[in-house]
Amino acid sequence: MKTLSLFSVLLVAGAATAANLGEQHEHETPNCCKPAADLAPRASYLVNANPLAQDEIQGTATGKVVFEGEKRPEVEDLSISEKQEKGCVEGGSTDKTNRSLLISKEGGIANVVITIDVDGAKLKLPEEPIMLDQIACRFEPHVMLVPMGATAKYHNSDTISHNVHTYSTKNPAFNKTIAAGASEEQKLEKAESIEVKCDIHPWMSCYLFVSDTPFAATTAADGSFSIRGLAPGEYTAKVW
């Protein structure tokens, strides 16, 4: 099935504009399960270690990933029984949105990762571990960009236990139970996409995209993306 259309990458010479890469899709997080503001997870932790100087011409690669076809794939909501979600959300129900394929009304596809290889580009590693959180029995965010060599912090903001089980091929596998309010850490030294699941709550899944380049972004809810700080020139974009 053909689901992705071809898209163009436009390099705009001039000042780059800020892009909010954290807004993948809108959904309400119950007040009972929201993490502290300083712990709120982000969609991207990629930082360029050797950016262009302020007086150099900088460009922004922009584009959109859209569905192309007469009939859209049918993506059903998650099937979660009351027994399975017990303890997930006090006085409410778990978000049952199936995030495996999110297509907007206009056809934009969310959570697609776009990467651009740039010669000599280097990643700046964060001083603190990068947090992947478990909130109201969902992993947050659904797709997270992690710099190669960084440490991931698997945190549990819920009041019940979860399990973090990674399905990796280049990095060591991780499979541990995370108690309520607790965290476990893992260093990710190889670039790859890693599926993460919870064996206790089988509907819980997300992806860690371990990147070897700072020039990457996830598409927003409308399928758009923006990658800043590029020197003028031609680049090849890869889609995951």
Protein backbone atom coordinates (compact mmCIF):
# COMPACT_ATOMS: atom_id res chain seq x y z
CA MET A 1 0.00 0.00 0.00
CA LYS A 2 1.33 3.43 -0.91
CA THR A 3 0.92 5.66 2.12
CA LEU A 4 3.57 8.36 1.78
CA SER A 5 3.70 10.87 -1.04
CA LEU A 6 6.91 12.35 -2.34
CA PHE A 7 7.72 15.64 -0.72
CA SER A 8 10.17 18.42 -1.43
CA VAL A 9 12.77 19.78 0.94
CA LEU A 10 13.03 23.54 0.55
CA LEU A 11 16.11 25.33 1.85
CA VAL A 12 15.27 28.93 2.64
CA ALA A 13 18.23 31.28 2.89
CA GLY A 14 17.94 33.75 5.75
CA ALA A 15 17.11 33.67 9.42
CA ALA A 16 15.69 30.41 10.66
CA THR A 17 12.32 30.48 12.37
CA ALA A 18 11.61 28.58 15.57
CA ALA A 19 9.64 25.38 15.26
CA ASN A 20 7.75 23.69 18.07
CA LEU A 21 8.71 20.07 17.60
CA GLY A 22 7.00 19.01 20.81
CA GLU A 23 3.40 19.21 19.60
CA GLN A 24 2.81 15.83 17.97
CA HIS A 25 -0.90 15.65 18.61
CA GLU A 26 -3.33 17.01 21.12
CA HIS A 27 -4.67 14.89 23.94
CA GLU A 28 -5.53 15.66 27.52
CA THR A 29 -3.42 14.27 30.34
CA PRO A 30 -5.40 13.72 33.55
CA ASN A 31 -4.35 16.06 36.37
CA CYS A 32 -3.65 13.06 38.59
CA CYS A 33 -0.86 11.84 36.36
CA LYS A 34 0.89 14.97 35.07
CA PRO A 35 4.62 15.13 35.81
CA ALA A 36 6.27 18.16 37.37
CA ALA A 37 7.00 20.96 34.90
CA ASP A 38 10.74 20.39 35.14
CA LEU A 39 10.24 16.73 34.27
CA ALA A 40 7.94 17.19 31.28
CA PRO A 41 9.23 15.05 28.38
CA ARG A 42 10.02 16.58 24.99
CA ALA A 43 9.83 15.15 21.47
CA SER A 44 13.43 16.08 20.58
CA TYR A 45 16.66 16.40 22.53
CA LEU A 46 18.92 16.96 19.52
CA VAL A 47 21.34 19.90 19.79
CA ASN A 48 23.99 20.86 17.24
CA ALA A 49 27.44 20.96 18.87
CA ASN A 50 29.02 23.07 16.10
CA PRO A 51 26.35 25.47 14.80
CA LEU A 52 27.00 28.07 12.14
CA ALA A 53 28.16 31.48 13.34
CA GLN A 54 25.50 34.16 13.75
CA ASP A 55 26.87 36.19 10.82
CA GLU A 56 26.73 33.19 8.46
CA ILE A 57 23.76 32.57 6.18
CA GLN A 58 21.55 29.95 7.75
CA GLY A 59 18.64 28.17 6.17
CA THR A 60 15.69 26.04 7.17
CA ALA A 61 14.60 22.84 5.46
CA THR A 62 10.83 22.59 5.50
CA GLY A 63 8.37 20.11 4.09
CA LYS A 64 5.30 18.02 4.74
CA VAL A 65 4.61 14.29 4.79
CA VAL A 66 1.10 13.52 3.55
CA PHE A 67 -1.01 10.48 2.79
CA GLU A 68 -1.59 9.83 -0.89
CA GLY A 69 -4.32 7.43 -1.89
CA GLU A 70 -8.03 7.13 -2.47
CA LYS A 71 -8.73 5.10 0.66
CA ARG A 72 -7.08 5.79 3.99
CA PRO A 73 -5.97 2.89 6.21
CA GLU A 74 -8.47 2.10 8.94
CA VAL A 75 -6.82 2.52 12.33
CA GLU A 76 -9.06 1.39 15.16
CA ASP A 77 -8.84 2.73 18.71
CA LEU A 78 -6.96 0.65 21.22
CA SER A 79 -8.87 -2.18 22.87
CA ILE A 80 -8.50 -1.77 26.65
CA SER A 81 -10.77 -3.47 29.15
CA GLU A 82 -11.76 -1.96 32.51
CA LYS A 83 -9.80 -4.70 34.25
CA GLN A 84 -6.65 -3.96 32.24
CA GLU A 85 -6.74 -0.21 32.90
CA LYS A 86 -7.43 -0.49 36.62
CA GLY A 87 -5.31 2.08 38.41
CA CYS A 88 -4.30 3.92 35.24
CA VAL A 89 -6.55 6.97 35.58
CA GLU A 90 -8.39 7.81 38.77
CA GLY A 91 -12.04 8.53 38.02
CA GLY A 92 -11.58 8.32 34.26
CA SER A 93 -10.51 6.15 31.37
CA THR A 94 -7.24 5.65 29.54
CA ASP A 95 -6.62 7.53 26.28
CA LYS A 96 -7.43 4.93 23.64
CA THR A 97 -6.04 6.81 20.64
CA ASN A 98 -4.06 4.48 18.41
CA ARG A 99 -0.90 6.49 17.69
CA SER A 100 0.62 3.95 15.31
CA LEU A 101 -0.67 5.98 12.35
CA LEU A 102 -2.08 9.48 12.87
CA ILE A 103 -3.41 11.13 9.71
CA SER A 104 -4.97 14.58 9.92
CA LYS A 105 -8.18 15.55 8.13
CA GLU A 106 -6.07 17.24 5.47
CA GLY A 107 -3.84 14.16 5.05
CA GLY A 108 -0.77 15.12 7.10
CA ILE A 109 0.97 12.24 8.88
CA ALA A 110 2.28 12.86 12.40
CA ASN A 111 5.33 11.35 14.14
CA VAL A 112 7.35 10.72 10.98
CA VAL A 113 11.09 11.26 11.51
CA ILE A 114 13.01 13.30 8.93
CA THR A 115 16.83 13.24 9.03
CA ILE A 116 19.38 15.17 6.98
CA ASP A 117 23.03 14.12 6.83
CA VAL A 118 25.41 17.07 7.02
CA ASP A 119 29.17 16.60 6.73
CA GLY A 120 30.97 17.46 9.94
CA ALA A 121 27.81 17.84 12.03
CA LYS A 122 28.22 16.84 15.66
CA LEU A 123 25.75 16.23 18.46
CA LYS A 124 25.90 17.94 21.83
CA LEU A 125 25.08 15.45 24.56
CA PRO A 126 22.81 16.63 27.37
CA GLU A 127 24.24 16.86 30.87
CA GLU A 128 21.20 15.16 32.38
CA PRO A 129 19.47 11.90 31.33
CA ILE A 130 16.66 12.19 28.80
CA MET A 131 13.29 11.18 30.20
CA LEU A 132 10.77 8.89 28.59
CA ASP A 133 7.74 9.03 30.87
CA GLN A 134 4.79 6.74 31.57
CA ILE A 135 1.68 8.83 32.22
CA ALA A 136 -1.85 7.49 32.60
CA CYS A 137 -0.71 4.17 31.14
CA ARG A 138 0.74 5.69 27.97
CA PHE A 139 4.33 6.38 27.02
CA GLU A 140 5.01 10.08 26.51
CA PRO A 141 5.95 11.12 23.90
CA HIS A 142 5.08 8.52 21.25
CA VAL A 143 8.23 9.23 19.21
CA MET A 144 11.27 10.83 20.82
CA LEU A 145 14.52 11.93 19.18
CA VAL A 146 17.53 10.99 21.30
CA PRO A 147 21.17 11.91 20.53
CA MET A 148 23.47 8.93 20.13
CA GLY A 149 25.49 8.45 23.31
CA ALA A 150 22.89 9.98 25.64
CA THR A 151 21.36 8.28 28.67
CA ALA A 152 17.63 7.55 28.63
CA LYS A 153 15.71 7.79 31.88
CA TYR A 154 12.62 5.58 31.94
CA HIS A 155 10.33 7.24 34.47
CA ASN A 156 6.96 6.18 35.87
CA SER A 157 4.68 9.08 36.83
CA ASP A 158 1.76 6.73 37.52
CA THR A 159 0.63 5.23 40.83
CA ILE A 160 0.94 1.66 39.54
CA SER A 161 3.89 -0.35 38.28
CA HIS A 162 4.92 -0.47 34.64
CA ASN A 163 7.42 -2.46 32.62
CA VAL A 164 9.84 -0.99 30.09
CA HIS A 165 10.81 -3.51 27.43
CA THR A 166 12.96 -2.26 24.53
CA TYR A 167 13.21 -4.08 21.21
CA SER A 168 16.60 -2.99 19.89
CA THR A 169 19.11 -4.53 17.49
CA LYS A 170 22.22 -2.39 18.06
CA ASN A 171 21.83 -1.29 21.67
CA PRO A 172 21.51 -3.76 24.56
CA ALA A 173 17.94 -4.85 25.25
CA PHE A 174 16.29 -3.44 28.38
CA ASN A 175 13.48 -5.20 30.24
CA LYS A 176 12.71 -4.05 33.80
CA THR A 177 9.72 -3.32 35.98
CA ILE A 178 9.47 0.35 36.99
CA ALA A 179 7.65 0.90 40.27
CA ALA A 180 5.30 3.85 40.78
CA GLY A 181 7.30 7.07 40.92
CA ALA A 182 10.57 5.27 40.16
CA SER A 183 13.06 5.46 37.28
CA GLU A 184 15.68 3.32 35.55
CA GLU A 185 18.42 4.49 33.19
CA GLN A 186 20.11 3.14 30.06
CA LYS A 187 22.86 4.57 27.87
CA LEU A 188 22.10 4.43 24.14
CA GLU A 189 25.38 4.31 22.22
CA LYS A 190 24.24 3.18 18.77
CA ALA A 191 22.02 4.96 16.24
CA GLU A 192 18.77 3.08 15.56
CA SER A 193 15.01 3.21 16.07
CA ILE A 194 13.90 1.31 19.17
CA GLU A 195 10.36 0.15 19.87
CA VAL A 196 9.44 0.32 23.56
CA LYS A 197 6.57 -1.60 25.14
CA CYS A 198 5.06 -2.35 28.53
CA ASP A 199 4.43 -6.05 29.12
CA ILE A 200 2.01 -5.25 31.96
CA HIS A 201 -0.17 -2.98 29.81
CA PRO A 202 0.13 -4.38 26.26
CA TRP A 203 -1.37 -1.32 24.52
CA MET A 204 1.51 0.87 25.72
CA SER A 205 4.14 1.42 23.02
CA CYS A 206 6.39 4.16 21.69
CA TYR A 207 9.66 4.66 19.79
CA LEU A 208 13.06 6.04 20.68
CA PHE A 209 14.84 7.28 17.56
CA VAL A 210 18.53 7.36 18.47
CA SER A 211 20.07 9.82 16.01
CA ASP A 212 23.68 10.33 14.91
CA THR A 213 22.87 13.75 13.46
CA PRO A 214 21.44 16.91 15.06
CA PHE A 215 19.58 17.70 11.84
CA ALA A 216 16.39 15.73 12.40
CA ALA A 217 12.79 16.42 13.32
CA THR A 218 9.46 14.70 13.82
CA THR A 219 6.43 15.79 11.83
CA ALA A 220 3.68 17.71 13.59
CA ALA A 221 0.00 16.80 13.53
CA ASP A 222 -0.39 18.32 10.06
CA GLY A 223 2.62 16.39 8.70
CA SER A 224 4.90 19.44 8.56
CA PHE A 225 8.50 19.58 9.72
CA SER A 226 11.23 22.20 10.02
CA ILE A 227 14.98 21.65 10.39
CA ARG A 228 16.96 24.80 11.15
CA GLY A 229 20.58 25.88 11.02
CA LEU A 230 21.60 24.55 7.61
CA ALA A 231 24.17 26.18 5.36
CA PRO A 232 22.91 26.96 1.83
CA GLY A 233 23.17 23.92 -0.44
CA GLU A 234 21.46 20.72 -1.51
CA TYR A 235 20.69 17.94 0.96
CA THR A 236 19.16 14.48 0.96
CA ALA A 237 16.38 13.90 3.45
CA LYS A 238 15.61 10.44 4.83
CA VAL A 239 12.19 9.43 6.05
CA TRP A 240 11.46 6.99 8.87
